[in-house]
N, C-alpha and C. Protein backbone atom coordinates (compact mmCIF):
# COMPACT_ATOMS: atom_id res chain seq x y z
N MET A 1 -39.70 26.95 -107.16
CA MET A 1 -40.52 26.43 -108.24
C MET A 1 -41.26 27.59 -108.91
N PRO A 2 -41.05 27.80 -110.20
CA PRO A 2 -41.80 28.82 -110.93
C PRO A 2 -43.11 28.23 -111.43
N THR A 3 -44.20 28.99 -111.35
CA THR A 3 -45.49 28.48 -111.80
C THR A 3 -46.21 29.51 -112.66
N LEU A 4 -47.06 28.99 -113.53
CA LEU A 4 -48.00 29.79 -114.31
C LEU A 4 -49.12 28.85 -114.76
N ASP A 5 -50.28 29.01 -114.13
CA ASP A 5 -51.46 28.20 -114.45
C ASP A 5 -51.16 26.70 -114.38
N GLU A 6 -50.76 26.26 -113.19
CA GLU A 6 -50.41 24.85 -112.97
C GLU A 6 -51.32 24.20 -111.93
N ALA A 7 -52.58 24.63 -111.88
CA ALA A 7 -53.49 24.11 -110.85
C ALA A 7 -53.66 22.60 -110.94
N HIS A 8 -53.56 22.04 -112.13
CA HIS A 8 -53.77 20.60 -112.28
C HIS A 8 -52.54 19.78 -111.90
N GLU A 9 -51.39 20.43 -111.69
CA GLU A 9 -50.16 19.71 -111.37
C GLU A 9 -49.58 20.05 -110.00
N ILE A 10 -49.82 21.27 -109.53
CA ILE A 10 -49.02 21.83 -108.45
C ILE A 10 -49.10 21.03 -107.15
N GLU A 11 -50.28 20.56 -106.77
CA GLU A 11 -50.40 19.88 -105.49
C GLU A 11 -49.63 18.55 -105.48
N GLU A 12 -49.77 17.79 -106.53
CA GLU A 12 -49.06 16.52 -106.59
C GLU A 12 -47.55 16.74 -106.62
N THR A 13 -47.11 17.74 -107.38
CA THR A 13 -45.68 18.04 -107.45
C THR A 13 -45.12 18.41 -106.08
N LEU A 14 -45.84 19.26 -105.36
CA LEU A 14 -45.37 19.69 -104.04
C LEU A 14 -45.43 18.56 -103.03
N CYS A 15 -46.45 17.73 -103.08
CA CYS A 15 -46.53 16.59 -102.16
C CYS A 15 -45.35 15.64 -102.37
N ARG A 16 -45.01 15.40 -103.62
CA ARG A 16 -43.89 14.51 -103.91
C ARG A 16 -42.56 15.16 -103.51
N ALA A 17 -42.46 16.47 -103.68
CA ALA A 17 -41.25 17.17 -103.24
C ALA A 17 -41.09 17.08 -101.73
N ARG A 18 -42.20 17.24 -101.01
CA ARG A 18 -42.14 17.15 -99.55
C ARG A 18 -41.71 15.75 -99.12
N GLU A 19 -42.24 14.73 -99.78
CA GLU A 19 -41.85 13.36 -99.46
C GLU A 19 -40.36 13.14 -99.71
N ALA A 20 -39.86 13.69 -100.81
CA ALA A 20 -38.47 13.45 -101.18
C ALA A 20 -37.49 14.25 -100.33
N PHE A 21 -37.85 15.48 -99.99
CA PHE A 21 -36.90 16.37 -99.32
C PHE A 21 -37.11 16.48 -97.82
N GLY A 22 -38.20 15.94 -97.31
CA GLY A 22 -38.38 15.87 -95.88
C GLY A 22 -39.19 17.02 -95.30
N PRO A 23 -39.65 16.84 -94.06
CA PRO A 23 -40.53 17.83 -93.43
C PRO A 23 -39.87 19.17 -93.15
N ASP A 24 -38.54 19.20 -93.08
CA ASP A 24 -37.86 20.45 -92.76
C ASP A 24 -37.45 21.23 -94.01
N ALA A 25 -37.67 20.67 -95.19
CA ALA A 25 -37.30 21.37 -96.42
C ALA A 25 -38.20 22.58 -96.61
N GLN A 26 -37.63 23.64 -97.12
CA GLN A 26 -38.35 24.88 -97.39
C GLN A 26 -38.83 24.84 -98.85
N LEU A 27 -40.13 24.74 -99.06
CA LEU A 27 -40.69 24.74 -100.41
C LEU A 27 -41.15 26.15 -100.76
N ILE A 28 -40.67 26.67 -101.87
CA ILE A 28 -40.97 28.04 -102.28
C ILE A 28 -41.53 28.03 -103.71
N VAL A 29 -42.68 28.62 -103.89
CA VAL A 29 -43.31 28.76 -105.21
C VAL A 29 -43.35 30.24 -105.56
N VAL A 30 -42.89 30.58 -106.76
CA VAL A 30 -42.98 31.96 -107.24
C VAL A 30 -43.88 31.95 -108.48
N ASP A 31 -45.04 32.56 -108.35
CA ASP A 31 -46.04 32.50 -109.41
C ASP A 31 -45.92 33.71 -110.34
N GLY A 32 -46.08 33.42 -111.63
CA GLY A 32 -45.91 34.47 -112.64
C GLY A 32 -47.20 35.09 -113.13
N GLY A 33 -48.29 34.96 -112.35
CA GLY A 33 -49.55 35.59 -112.74
C GLY A 33 -50.62 34.60 -113.14
N SER A 34 -50.74 33.51 -112.44
CA SER A 34 -51.73 32.48 -112.76
C SER A 34 -53.15 33.01 -112.61
N SER A 35 -54.05 32.49 -113.45
CA SER A 35 -55.46 32.87 -113.37
C SER A 35 -56.33 31.67 -113.01
N ASP A 36 -55.71 30.55 -112.63
CA ASP A 36 -56.47 29.32 -112.36
C ASP A 36 -56.43 28.89 -110.91
N GLY A 37 -55.98 29.76 -110.02
CA GLY A 37 -55.94 29.42 -108.61
C GLY A 37 -54.69 28.70 -108.14
N THR A 38 -53.67 28.65 -108.98
CA THR A 38 -52.42 27.98 -108.60
C THR A 38 -51.86 28.48 -107.27
N PRO A 39 -51.73 29.80 -107.06
CA PRO A 39 -51.13 30.28 -105.80
C PRO A 39 -51.87 29.78 -104.55
N ALA A 40 -53.20 29.78 -104.59
CA ALA A 40 -53.97 29.34 -103.42
C ALA A 40 -53.74 27.86 -103.14
N LEU A 41 -53.67 27.05 -104.19
CA LEU A 41 -53.40 25.63 -104.01
C LEU A 41 -51.99 25.40 -103.47
N ALA A 42 -51.03 26.13 -104.02
CA ALA A 42 -49.64 25.97 -103.59
C ALA A 42 -49.44 26.41 -102.15
N ALA A 43 -50.22 27.39 -101.70
CA ALA A 43 -50.05 27.93 -100.35
C ALA A 43 -50.36 26.91 -99.27
N ARG A 44 -51.03 25.82 -99.62
CA ARG A 44 -51.30 24.76 -98.64
C ARG A 44 -50.03 23.99 -98.30
N TYR A 45 -49.03 24.06 -99.16
CA TYR A 45 -47.83 23.24 -99.02
C TYR A 45 -46.52 24.04 -98.98
N ALA A 46 -46.56 25.28 -99.46
CA ALA A 46 -45.31 26.00 -99.68
C ALA A 46 -45.47 27.49 -99.39
N THR A 47 -44.34 28.16 -99.25
CA THR A 47 -44.31 29.62 -99.23
C THR A 47 -44.54 30.11 -100.65
N VAL A 48 -45.46 31.03 -100.84
CA VAL A 48 -45.80 31.50 -102.18
C VAL A 48 -45.47 32.99 -102.32
N ARG A 49 -44.82 33.33 -103.40
CA ARG A 49 -44.53 34.72 -103.74
C ARG A 49 -45.01 34.99 -105.16
N SER A 50 -45.22 36.24 -105.47
CA SER A 50 -45.66 36.63 -106.81
C SER A 50 -44.55 37.36 -107.53
N ALA A 51 -44.43 37.10 -108.82
CA ALA A 51 -43.46 37.78 -109.67
C ALA A 51 -44.20 38.77 -110.57
N PRO A 52 -43.52 39.81 -111.05
CA PRO A 52 -44.18 40.80 -111.91
C PRO A 52 -44.77 40.21 -113.18
N GLY A 53 -44.20 39.11 -113.66
CA GLY A 53 -44.68 38.49 -114.88
C GLY A 53 -44.02 37.14 -115.06
N PRO A 54 -44.48 36.38 -116.04
CA PRO A 54 -43.93 35.04 -116.25
C PRO A 54 -42.57 35.06 -116.93
N SER A 55 -41.53 34.98 -116.14
CA SER A 55 -40.15 34.83 -116.64
C SER A 55 -39.51 33.80 -115.73
N ARG A 56 -39.30 32.60 -116.25
CA ARG A 56 -38.87 31.50 -115.39
C ARG A 56 -37.58 31.82 -114.65
N GLY A 57 -36.63 32.43 -115.35
CA GLY A 57 -35.37 32.77 -114.70
C GLY A 57 -35.56 33.76 -113.58
N ALA A 58 -36.38 34.79 -113.81
CA ALA A 58 -36.64 35.79 -112.78
C ALA A 58 -37.36 35.17 -111.59
N GLN A 59 -38.29 34.26 -111.86
CA GLN A 59 -39.02 33.59 -110.78
C GLN A 59 -38.08 32.71 -109.95
N LEU A 60 -37.22 31.95 -110.62
CA LEU A 60 -36.27 31.11 -109.89
C LEU A 60 -35.30 31.96 -109.08
N ARG A 61 -34.85 33.04 -109.64
CA ARG A 61 -33.91 33.92 -108.93
C ARG A 61 -34.58 34.51 -107.69
N GLN A 62 -35.83 34.91 -107.82
CA GLN A 62 -36.54 35.46 -106.67
C GLN A 62 -36.70 34.41 -105.58
N GLY A 63 -37.05 33.19 -105.98
CA GLY A 63 -37.18 32.12 -104.99
C GLY A 63 -35.88 31.85 -104.27
N ALA A 64 -34.78 31.81 -105.02
CA ALA A 64 -33.47 31.56 -104.41
C ALA A 64 -33.10 32.66 -103.43
N SER A 65 -33.55 33.88 -103.71
CA SER A 65 -33.17 35.01 -102.85
C SER A 65 -33.80 34.93 -101.47
N ILE A 66 -34.91 34.21 -101.33
CA ILE A 66 -35.54 34.11 -100.01
C ILE A 66 -35.33 32.73 -99.38
N ALA A 67 -34.69 31.83 -100.11
CA ALA A 67 -34.42 30.50 -99.56
C ALA A 67 -33.32 30.57 -98.51
N SER A 68 -33.43 29.76 -97.47
CA SER A 68 -32.45 29.80 -96.39
C SER A 68 -31.59 28.54 -96.32
N GLY A 69 -31.87 27.56 -97.17
CA GLY A 69 -31.18 26.30 -97.08
C GLY A 69 -29.77 26.32 -97.66
N HIS A 70 -28.99 25.32 -97.29
CA HIS A 70 -27.63 25.16 -97.79
C HIS A 70 -27.63 24.60 -99.21
N ILE A 71 -28.65 23.82 -99.56
CA ILE A 71 -28.78 23.24 -100.89
C ILE A 71 -30.04 23.78 -101.54
N LEU A 72 -29.91 24.26 -102.78
CA LEU A 72 -31.03 24.78 -103.55
C LEU A 72 -31.39 23.79 -104.64
N VAL A 73 -32.67 23.49 -104.78
CA VAL A 73 -33.15 22.61 -105.85
C VAL A 73 -34.16 23.40 -106.67
N PHE A 74 -33.94 23.46 -107.97
CA PHE A 74 -34.82 24.22 -108.87
C PHE A 74 -35.71 23.24 -109.62
N LEU A 75 -36.99 23.30 -109.32
CA LEU A 75 -37.92 22.27 -109.75
C LEU A 75 -39.05 22.87 -110.56
N HIS A 76 -39.37 22.27 -111.72
CA HIS A 76 -40.50 22.71 -112.51
C HIS A 76 -41.80 22.17 -111.92
N ALA A 77 -42.89 22.89 -112.18
CA ALA A 77 -44.18 22.54 -111.58
C ALA A 77 -44.75 21.24 -112.11
N ASP A 78 -44.29 20.79 -113.28
CA ASP A 78 -44.80 19.53 -113.83
C ASP A 78 -43.79 18.40 -113.72
N THR A 79 -42.83 18.55 -112.80
CA THR A 79 -41.79 17.55 -112.62
C THR A 79 -41.90 16.92 -111.24
N TRP A 80 -42.11 15.60 -111.21
CA TRP A 80 -42.20 14.85 -109.95
C TRP A 80 -40.85 14.20 -109.68
N VAL A 81 -40.33 14.41 -108.48
CA VAL A 81 -39.05 13.79 -108.14
C VAL A 81 -39.29 12.46 -107.42
N SER A 82 -38.40 11.52 -107.62
CA SER A 82 -38.52 10.22 -106.97
C SER A 82 -38.27 10.38 -105.46
N PRO A 83 -38.79 9.47 -104.64
CA PRO A 83 -38.69 9.61 -103.18
C PRO A 83 -37.26 9.68 -102.65
N ASP A 84 -36.28 9.16 -103.40
CA ASP A 84 -34.90 9.18 -102.93
C ASP A 84 -34.13 10.41 -103.38
N ALA A 85 -34.80 11.38 -103.98
CA ALA A 85 -34.10 12.54 -104.54
C ALA A 85 -33.31 13.31 -103.47
N GLY A 86 -33.94 13.60 -102.35
CA GLY A 86 -33.25 14.35 -101.31
C GLY A 86 -32.03 13.63 -100.80
N LEU A 87 -32.16 12.33 -100.58
CA LEU A 87 -31.03 11.54 -100.08
C LEU A 87 -29.89 11.53 -101.09
N ARG A 88 -30.19 11.32 -102.36
CA ARG A 88 -29.14 11.26 -103.38
C ARG A 88 -28.44 12.60 -103.56
N ILE A 89 -29.20 13.67 -103.49
CA ILE A 89 -28.60 15.01 -103.60
C ILE A 89 -27.70 15.28 -102.41
N GLN A 90 -28.15 14.94 -101.21
CA GLN A 90 -27.33 15.16 -100.02
C GLN A 90 -26.05 14.35 -100.08
N GLU A 91 -26.14 13.10 -100.55
CA GLU A 91 -24.96 12.27 -100.68
C GLU A 91 -23.96 12.89 -101.66
N ALA A 92 -24.45 13.42 -102.76
CA ALA A 92 -23.56 14.03 -103.76
C ALA A 92 -22.86 15.25 -103.18
N VAL A 93 -23.61 16.09 -102.47
CA VAL A 93 -23.01 17.29 -101.87
C VAL A 93 -22.01 16.90 -100.78
N ASP A 94 -22.35 15.92 -99.97
CA ASP A 94 -21.43 15.46 -98.93
C ASP A 94 -20.13 14.93 -99.52
N ALA A 95 -20.22 14.39 -100.75
CA ALA A 95 -19.04 13.86 -101.42
C ALA A 95 -18.27 14.92 -102.20
N GLY A 96 -18.73 16.17 -102.11
CA GLY A 96 -17.98 17.26 -102.71
C GLY A 96 -18.56 17.89 -103.95
N ALA A 97 -19.77 17.51 -104.35
CA ALA A 97 -20.39 18.11 -105.53
C ALA A 97 -20.78 19.55 -105.23
N ALA A 98 -20.56 20.43 -106.21
CA ALA A 98 -21.02 21.81 -106.11
C ALA A 98 -22.45 21.95 -106.63
N ALA A 99 -22.78 21.11 -107.59
CA ALA A 99 -24.10 21.17 -108.22
C ALA A 99 -24.35 19.86 -108.96
N GLY A 100 -25.55 19.72 -109.50
CA GLY A 100 -25.85 18.50 -110.25
C GLY A 100 -27.30 18.49 -110.69
N CYS A 101 -27.77 17.31 -111.05
CA CYS A 101 -29.13 17.17 -111.54
C CYS A 101 -29.60 15.74 -111.35
N LEU A 102 -30.88 15.52 -111.59
CA LEU A 102 -31.46 14.18 -111.52
C LEU A 102 -31.52 13.56 -112.91
N ARG A 103 -31.78 12.29 -112.93
CA ARG A 103 -31.96 11.56 -114.18
C ARG A 103 -33.30 11.96 -114.81
N PHE A 104 -33.33 12.09 -116.13
CA PHE A 104 -34.51 12.55 -116.85
C PHE A 104 -35.42 11.38 -117.24
N ALA A 105 -36.74 11.56 -117.04
CA ALA A 105 -37.73 10.60 -117.51
C ALA A 105 -39.01 11.36 -117.81
N LEU A 106 -39.83 10.79 -118.68
CA LEU A 106 -41.11 11.40 -119.02
C LEU A 106 -42.26 10.64 -118.38
N ARG A 107 -43.22 11.36 -117.86
CA ARG A 107 -44.47 10.79 -117.38
C ARG A 107 -45.47 10.78 -118.54
N GLY A 108 -46.14 9.67 -118.74
CA GLY A 108 -47.13 9.62 -119.80
C GLY A 108 -47.09 8.30 -120.52
N PRO A 109 -47.61 8.27 -121.72
CA PRO A 109 -47.65 7.02 -122.49
C PRO A 109 -46.25 6.42 -122.64
N ARG A 110 -46.15 5.12 -122.50
CA ARG A 110 -44.85 4.44 -122.61
C ARG A 110 -44.51 4.19 -124.07
N ARG A 111 -44.23 5.27 -124.78
CA ARG A 111 -43.94 5.17 -126.20
C ARG A 111 -42.44 4.91 -126.40
N PRO A 112 -42.08 4.04 -127.35
CA PRO A 112 -40.66 3.76 -127.59
C PRO A 112 -39.84 5.01 -127.88
N ARG A 113 -40.42 5.96 -128.59
CA ARG A 113 -39.66 7.17 -128.92
C ARG A 113 -39.34 8.00 -127.67
N TYR A 114 -40.20 7.92 -126.66
CA TYR A 114 -39.92 8.63 -125.41
C TYR A 114 -38.77 7.95 -124.65
N ARG A 115 -38.75 6.63 -124.69
CA ARG A 115 -37.65 5.93 -124.03
C ARG A 115 -36.33 6.25 -124.72
N LEU A 116 -36.35 6.39 -126.04
CA LEU A 116 -35.15 6.75 -126.78
C LEU A 116 -34.71 8.16 -126.40
N LEU A 117 -35.67 9.07 -126.28
CA LEU A 117 -35.36 10.43 -125.87
C LEU A 117 -34.73 10.45 -124.48
N GLU A 118 -35.28 9.70 -123.55
CA GLU A 118 -34.73 9.64 -122.19
C GLU A 118 -33.28 9.16 -122.21
N ARG A 119 -33.02 8.11 -122.97
CA ARG A 119 -31.64 7.60 -123.03
C ARG A 119 -30.70 8.64 -123.61
N GLY A 120 -31.16 9.36 -124.63
CA GLY A 120 -30.32 10.37 -125.24
C GLY A 120 -30.01 11.52 -124.30
N VAL A 121 -31.03 12.00 -123.59
CA VAL A 121 -30.84 13.10 -122.64
C VAL A 121 -29.90 12.68 -121.52
N ASN A 122 -30.10 11.49 -120.98
CA ASN A 122 -29.26 11.03 -119.87
C ASN A 122 -27.83 10.74 -120.31
N TRP A 123 -27.65 10.27 -121.54
CA TRP A 123 -26.29 10.10 -122.06
C TRP A 123 -25.60 11.46 -122.19
N ARG A 124 -26.33 12.44 -122.73
CA ARG A 124 -25.76 13.79 -122.88
C ARG A 124 -25.36 14.36 -121.52
N THR A 125 -26.19 14.12 -120.51
CA THR A 125 -25.89 14.63 -119.17
C THR A 125 -24.62 14.01 -118.62
N ARG A 126 -24.48 12.68 -118.75
CA ARG A 126 -23.29 12.00 -118.24
C ARG A 126 -22.04 12.40 -119.03
N ARG A 127 -22.19 12.52 -120.34
CA ARG A 127 -21.03 12.76 -121.20
C ARG A 127 -20.53 14.19 -121.10
N PHE A 128 -21.44 15.16 -121.08
CA PHE A 128 -21.05 16.56 -121.15
C PHE A 128 -21.30 17.33 -119.86
N ARG A 129 -21.83 16.65 -118.84
CA ARG A 129 -22.11 17.31 -117.56
C ARG A 129 -22.96 18.58 -117.78
N THR A 130 -24.08 18.38 -118.46
CA THR A 130 -25.02 19.47 -118.69
C THR A 130 -26.41 18.99 -118.33
N ALA A 131 -27.37 19.90 -118.25
CA ALA A 131 -28.73 19.54 -117.87
C ALA A 131 -29.67 20.66 -118.24
N THR A 132 -30.96 20.32 -118.26
CA THR A 132 -32.00 21.34 -118.43
C THR A 132 -32.88 21.35 -117.20
N GLY A 133 -33.76 22.34 -117.12
CA GLY A 133 -34.58 22.51 -115.93
C GLY A 133 -35.50 21.34 -115.64
N ASP A 134 -35.80 20.52 -116.65
CA ASP A 134 -36.64 19.34 -116.44
C ASP A 134 -35.97 18.29 -115.57
N GLN A 135 -34.68 18.48 -115.25
CA GLN A 135 -33.93 17.47 -114.49
C GLN A 135 -33.69 17.87 -113.04
N ALA A 136 -34.46 18.84 -112.53
CA ALA A 136 -34.33 19.26 -111.13
C ALA A 136 -32.88 19.60 -110.79
N ILE A 137 -32.36 20.64 -111.39
CA ILE A 137 -30.99 21.08 -111.14
C ILE A 137 -30.85 21.52 -109.68
N PHE A 138 -29.73 21.14 -109.06
CA PHE A 138 -29.48 21.57 -107.68
C PHE A 138 -28.08 22.16 -107.58
N SER A 139 -27.87 22.95 -106.53
CA SER A 139 -26.53 23.48 -106.26
C SER A 139 -26.42 23.83 -104.78
N THR A 140 -25.22 23.90 -104.31
CA THR A 140 -25.02 24.41 -102.96
C THR A 140 -25.22 25.92 -102.98
N ARG A 141 -25.52 26.47 -101.84
CA ARG A 141 -25.65 27.92 -101.73
C ARG A 141 -24.37 28.62 -102.16
N GLU A 142 -23.23 28.08 -101.74
CA GLU A 142 -21.94 28.70 -102.06
C GLU A 142 -21.70 28.74 -103.57
N ALA A 143 -22.00 27.63 -104.24
CA ALA A 143 -21.80 27.58 -105.69
C ALA A 143 -22.75 28.52 -106.41
N TYR A 144 -23.98 28.59 -105.93
CA TYR A 144 -24.97 29.48 -106.54
C TYR A 144 -24.49 30.94 -106.47
N VAL A 145 -24.06 31.34 -105.30
CA VAL A 145 -23.59 32.72 -105.12
C VAL A 145 -22.33 32.98 -105.93
N ALA A 146 -21.42 32.03 -105.91
CA ALA A 146 -20.13 32.20 -106.59
C ALA A 146 -20.28 32.40 -108.09
N CYS A 147 -21.28 31.76 -108.71
CA CYS A 147 -21.44 31.87 -110.16
C CYS A 147 -22.38 32.99 -110.57
N GLY A 148 -22.92 33.70 -109.60
CA GLY A 148 -23.81 34.82 -109.92
C GLY A 148 -25.28 34.46 -109.95
N GLY A 149 -25.60 33.20 -109.70
CA GLY A 149 -27.00 32.79 -109.63
C GLY A 149 -27.65 32.61 -110.99
N ILE A 150 -28.93 32.36 -110.97
CA ILE A 150 -29.71 32.20 -112.19
C ILE A 150 -30.04 33.57 -112.77
N GLU A 151 -29.81 33.73 -114.05
CA GLU A 151 -30.10 35.00 -114.70
C GLU A 151 -31.61 35.16 -114.87
N PRO A 152 -32.12 36.39 -114.77
CA PRO A 152 -33.58 36.62 -114.87
C PRO A 152 -34.05 36.61 -116.32
N LEU A 153 -33.94 35.46 -116.96
CA LEU A 153 -34.28 35.31 -118.37
C LEU A 153 -35.51 34.42 -118.55
N PRO A 154 -36.28 34.61 -119.61
CA PRO A 154 -37.47 33.79 -119.82
C PRO A 154 -37.19 32.43 -120.44
N ILE A 155 -35.98 32.24 -120.95
CA ILE A 155 -35.63 30.98 -121.61
C ILE A 155 -34.13 30.79 -121.54
N PHE A 156 -33.68 29.53 -121.49
CA PHE A 156 -32.28 29.14 -121.42
C PHE A 156 -31.57 29.62 -120.16
N GLU A 157 -32.35 30.01 -119.15
CA GLU A 157 -31.74 30.33 -117.87
C GLU A 157 -31.10 29.09 -117.26
N ASP A 158 -31.67 27.92 -117.54
CA ASP A 158 -31.14 26.67 -117.00
C ASP A 158 -29.80 26.31 -117.64
N VAL A 159 -29.73 26.41 -118.96
CA VAL A 159 -28.49 26.11 -119.68
C VAL A 159 -27.37 27.03 -119.24
N ARG A 160 -27.67 28.30 -119.11
CA ARG A 160 -26.65 29.28 -118.73
C ARG A 160 -26.21 29.09 -117.28
N PHE A 161 -27.15 28.72 -116.42
CA PHE A 161 -26.79 28.49 -115.03
C PHE A 161 -25.88 27.28 -114.90
N VAL A 162 -26.21 26.19 -115.56
CA VAL A 162 -25.37 25.00 -115.48
C VAL A 162 -23.97 25.30 -115.99
N ARG A 163 -23.89 26.02 -117.09
CA ARG A 163 -22.59 26.38 -117.64
C ARG A 163 -21.78 27.20 -116.64
N ALA A 164 -22.45 28.10 -115.93
CA ALA A 164 -21.75 28.95 -114.96
C ALA A 164 -21.38 28.20 -113.69
N VAL A 165 -22.32 27.40 -113.16
CA VAL A 165 -22.07 26.76 -111.87
C VAL A 165 -21.01 25.66 -112.00
N ARG A 166 -20.85 25.09 -113.18
CA ARG A 166 -19.80 24.08 -113.38
C ARG A 166 -18.41 24.67 -113.16
N GLN A 167 -18.29 25.98 -113.31
CA GLN A 167 -16.98 26.61 -113.10
C GLN A 167 -16.61 26.70 -111.63
N THR A 168 -17.57 26.46 -110.74
CA THR A 168 -17.30 26.58 -109.30
C THR A 168 -16.92 25.26 -108.66
N GLY A 169 -17.15 24.14 -109.35
CA GLY A 169 -16.85 22.84 -108.77
C GLY A 169 -17.49 21.72 -109.57
N ARG A 170 -17.52 20.54 -109.00
CA ARG A 170 -18.01 19.35 -109.72
C ARG A 170 -19.53 19.40 -109.92
N PHE A 171 -19.95 19.08 -111.15
CA PHE A 171 -21.37 18.96 -111.48
C PHE A 171 -21.66 17.46 -111.60
N VAL A 172 -22.56 16.94 -110.75
CA VAL A 172 -22.74 15.50 -110.62
C VAL A 172 -24.18 15.09 -110.93
N PRO A 173 -24.40 14.27 -111.95
CA PRO A 173 -25.73 13.67 -112.15
C PRO A 173 -25.94 12.57 -111.09
N VAL A 174 -27.05 12.60 -110.38
CA VAL A 174 -27.31 11.62 -109.34
C VAL A 174 -28.32 10.58 -109.82
N GLY A 175 -28.46 9.50 -109.06
CA GLY A 175 -29.26 8.37 -109.50
C GLY A 175 -30.76 8.54 -109.35
N ALA A 176 -31.24 9.51 -108.58
CA ALA A 176 -32.67 9.73 -108.45
C ALA A 176 -33.24 10.26 -109.77
N THR A 177 -34.55 10.21 -109.91
CA THR A 177 -35.18 10.54 -111.19
C THR A 177 -36.13 11.72 -111.08
N ALA A 178 -36.13 12.56 -112.12
CA ALA A 178 -37.10 13.63 -112.28
C ALA A 178 -38.06 13.22 -113.39
N PHE A 179 -39.32 12.99 -113.02
CA PHE A 179 -40.34 12.54 -113.97
C PHE A 179 -41.13 13.76 -114.46
N THR A 180 -40.87 14.18 -115.68
CA THR A 180 -41.50 15.37 -116.23
C THR A 180 -42.70 14.98 -117.09
N SER A 181 -43.75 15.77 -117.02
CA SER A 181 -44.94 15.51 -117.81
C SER A 181 -44.61 15.49 -119.30
N ALA A 182 -45.23 14.56 -120.01
CA ALA A 182 -45.05 14.46 -121.47
C ALA A 182 -46.07 15.31 -122.23
N ARG A 183 -46.78 16.20 -121.54
CA ARG A 183 -47.88 16.94 -122.18
C ARG A 183 -47.41 17.75 -123.38
N ARG A 184 -46.26 18.40 -123.28
CA ARG A 184 -45.77 19.20 -124.39
C ARG A 184 -45.48 18.33 -125.61
N TRP A 185 -44.88 17.18 -125.36
CA TRP A 185 -44.54 16.26 -126.43
C TRP A 185 -45.80 15.69 -127.07
N GLU A 186 -46.82 15.45 -126.24
CA GLU A 186 -48.07 14.92 -126.76
C GLU A 186 -48.83 15.97 -127.56
N GLN A 187 -48.84 17.20 -127.09
CA GLN A 187 -49.60 18.26 -127.74
C GLN A 187 -48.98 18.69 -129.07
N GLU A 188 -47.66 18.80 -129.08
CA GLU A 188 -46.99 19.37 -130.25
C GLU A 188 -46.33 18.33 -131.15
N GLY A 189 -46.18 17.12 -130.63
CA GLY A 189 -45.50 16.09 -131.40
C GLY A 189 -44.01 16.10 -131.12
N MET A 190 -43.43 14.91 -131.12
CA MET A 190 -42.02 14.81 -130.76
C MET A 190 -41.12 15.48 -131.78
N ALA A 191 -41.40 15.28 -133.07
CA ALA A 191 -40.54 15.85 -134.10
C ALA A 191 -40.51 17.37 -134.02
N MET A 192 -41.68 17.99 -133.88
CA MET A 192 -41.74 19.45 -133.81
C MET A 192 -41.05 19.96 -132.54
N THR A 193 -41.28 19.30 -131.40
CA THR A 193 -40.70 19.75 -130.14
C THR A 193 -39.18 19.65 -130.17
N VAL A 194 -38.65 18.53 -130.64
CA VAL A 194 -37.21 18.34 -130.70
C VAL A 194 -36.58 19.31 -131.69
N THR A 195 -37.20 19.46 -132.87
CA THR A 195 -36.65 20.36 -133.89
C THR A 195 -36.58 21.79 -133.38
N ARG A 196 -37.66 22.24 -132.77
CA ARG A 196 -37.68 23.61 -132.26
C ARG A 196 -36.61 23.80 -131.19
N HIS A 197 -36.48 22.83 -130.30
CA HIS A 197 -35.48 22.95 -129.24
C HIS A 197 -34.07 23.00 -129.80
N VAL A 198 -33.78 22.14 -130.77
CA VAL A 198 -32.44 22.11 -131.35
C VAL A 198 -32.12 23.43 -132.05
N ILE A 199 -33.09 23.96 -132.80
CA ILE A 199 -32.87 25.23 -133.51
C ILE A 199 -32.65 26.37 -132.52
N LEU A 200 -33.52 26.47 -131.53
CA LEU A 200 -33.38 27.56 -130.56
C LEU A 200 -32.09 27.44 -129.76
N ARG A 201 -31.73 26.22 -129.38
CA ARG A 201 -30.49 26.04 -128.62
C ARG A 201 -29.28 26.40 -129.48
N GLY A 202 -29.35 26.08 -130.76
CA GLY A 202 -28.26 26.46 -131.67
C GLY A 202 -28.15 27.97 -131.81
N LEU A 203 -29.30 28.64 -131.94
CA LEU A 203 -29.28 30.10 -132.04
C LEU A 203 -28.75 30.73 -130.75
N HIS A 204 -29.12 30.14 -129.62
CA HIS A 204 -28.61 30.64 -128.34
C HIS A 204 -27.09 30.49 -128.27
N ALA A 205 -26.60 29.35 -128.72
CA ALA A 205 -25.15 29.12 -128.71
C ALA A 205 -24.42 30.10 -129.62
N LEU A 206 -25.11 30.59 -130.64
CA LEU A 206 -24.51 31.56 -131.56
C LEU A 206 -24.61 32.99 -131.04
N GLY A 207 -25.27 33.17 -129.90
CA GLY A 207 -25.30 34.48 -129.27
C GLY A 207 -26.58 35.26 -129.46
N VAL A 208 -27.64 34.65 -129.99
CA VAL A 208 -28.91 35.36 -130.15
C VAL A 208 -29.51 35.64 -128.77
N ASP A 209 -30.05 36.83 -128.59
CA ASP A 209 -30.61 37.28 -127.32
C ASP A 209 -31.73 36.34 -126.86
N PRO A 210 -31.64 35.80 -125.62
CA PRO A 210 -32.70 34.93 -125.10
C PRO A 210 -34.08 35.59 -125.09
N LEU A 211 -34.14 36.91 -124.95
CA LEU A 211 -35.43 37.60 -124.97
C LEU A 211 -36.09 37.47 -126.33
N HIS A 212 -35.30 37.52 -127.38
CA HIS A 212 -35.83 37.31 -128.74
C HIS A 212 -36.23 35.85 -128.92
N LEU A 213 -35.41 34.95 -128.43
CA LEU A 213 -35.70 33.52 -128.57
C LEU A 213 -36.96 33.13 -127.82
N ALA A 214 -37.24 33.78 -126.71
CA ALA A 214 -38.44 33.45 -125.93
C ALA A 214 -39.69 33.68 -126.75
N GLY A 215 -39.71 34.76 -127.51
CA GLY A 215 -40.84 35.03 -128.39
C GLY A 215 -40.99 33.96 -129.45
N ARG A 216 -39.88 33.52 -130.01
CA ARG A 216 -39.91 32.45 -131.00
C ARG A 216 -40.36 31.13 -130.39
N TYR A 217 -39.96 30.89 -129.14
CA TYR A 217 -40.34 29.65 -128.44
C TYR A 217 -41.84 29.59 -128.27
N ARG A 218 -42.45 30.71 -127.84
CA ARG A 218 -43.90 30.74 -127.63
C ARG A 218 -44.65 30.58 -128.94
């Protein structure tokens, strides 16, 4: 789990992860330089490491490098997984999946436009076997190593990883849910958030350097 100033979310996220993945799961937090006490709060529940700076891809890669489990789950600090997440992921891997993701949902006001967004994201996942980091992407250790792992990029590391790991085997969306905070959508507005994402994703598909896009994203 990569973090940066997530003191208001981190404990609940980790508690829910522990419930979903069980007492033997290894929880790893890689902090990118928080100033709000996030690492100290996370240390009550997880192994905590520090990264040189906030780069989500680099933080995820560092966490994966010290993980010892057979299945890796990449989880955002504001994403709560449903209690059956561990079971559904294990079932998918046992059935031959190399990687996959959870169903997308937003936490927050029950606005009709958010429900429409959820349906669209989940349709895209089923139709094209793709996902973003908000969906708790998982993979087997073998698939992760075979595809070269997550690139140390500040943005679109999730899109690039899914594209790479799909080449190693089946990518399976499972029935458990990843509930991501709607704070970004509430703060910036749905139209602005969607428009920016579509433009940046299009530029990425055209080959624009993710390092340049990260600056535009911020």
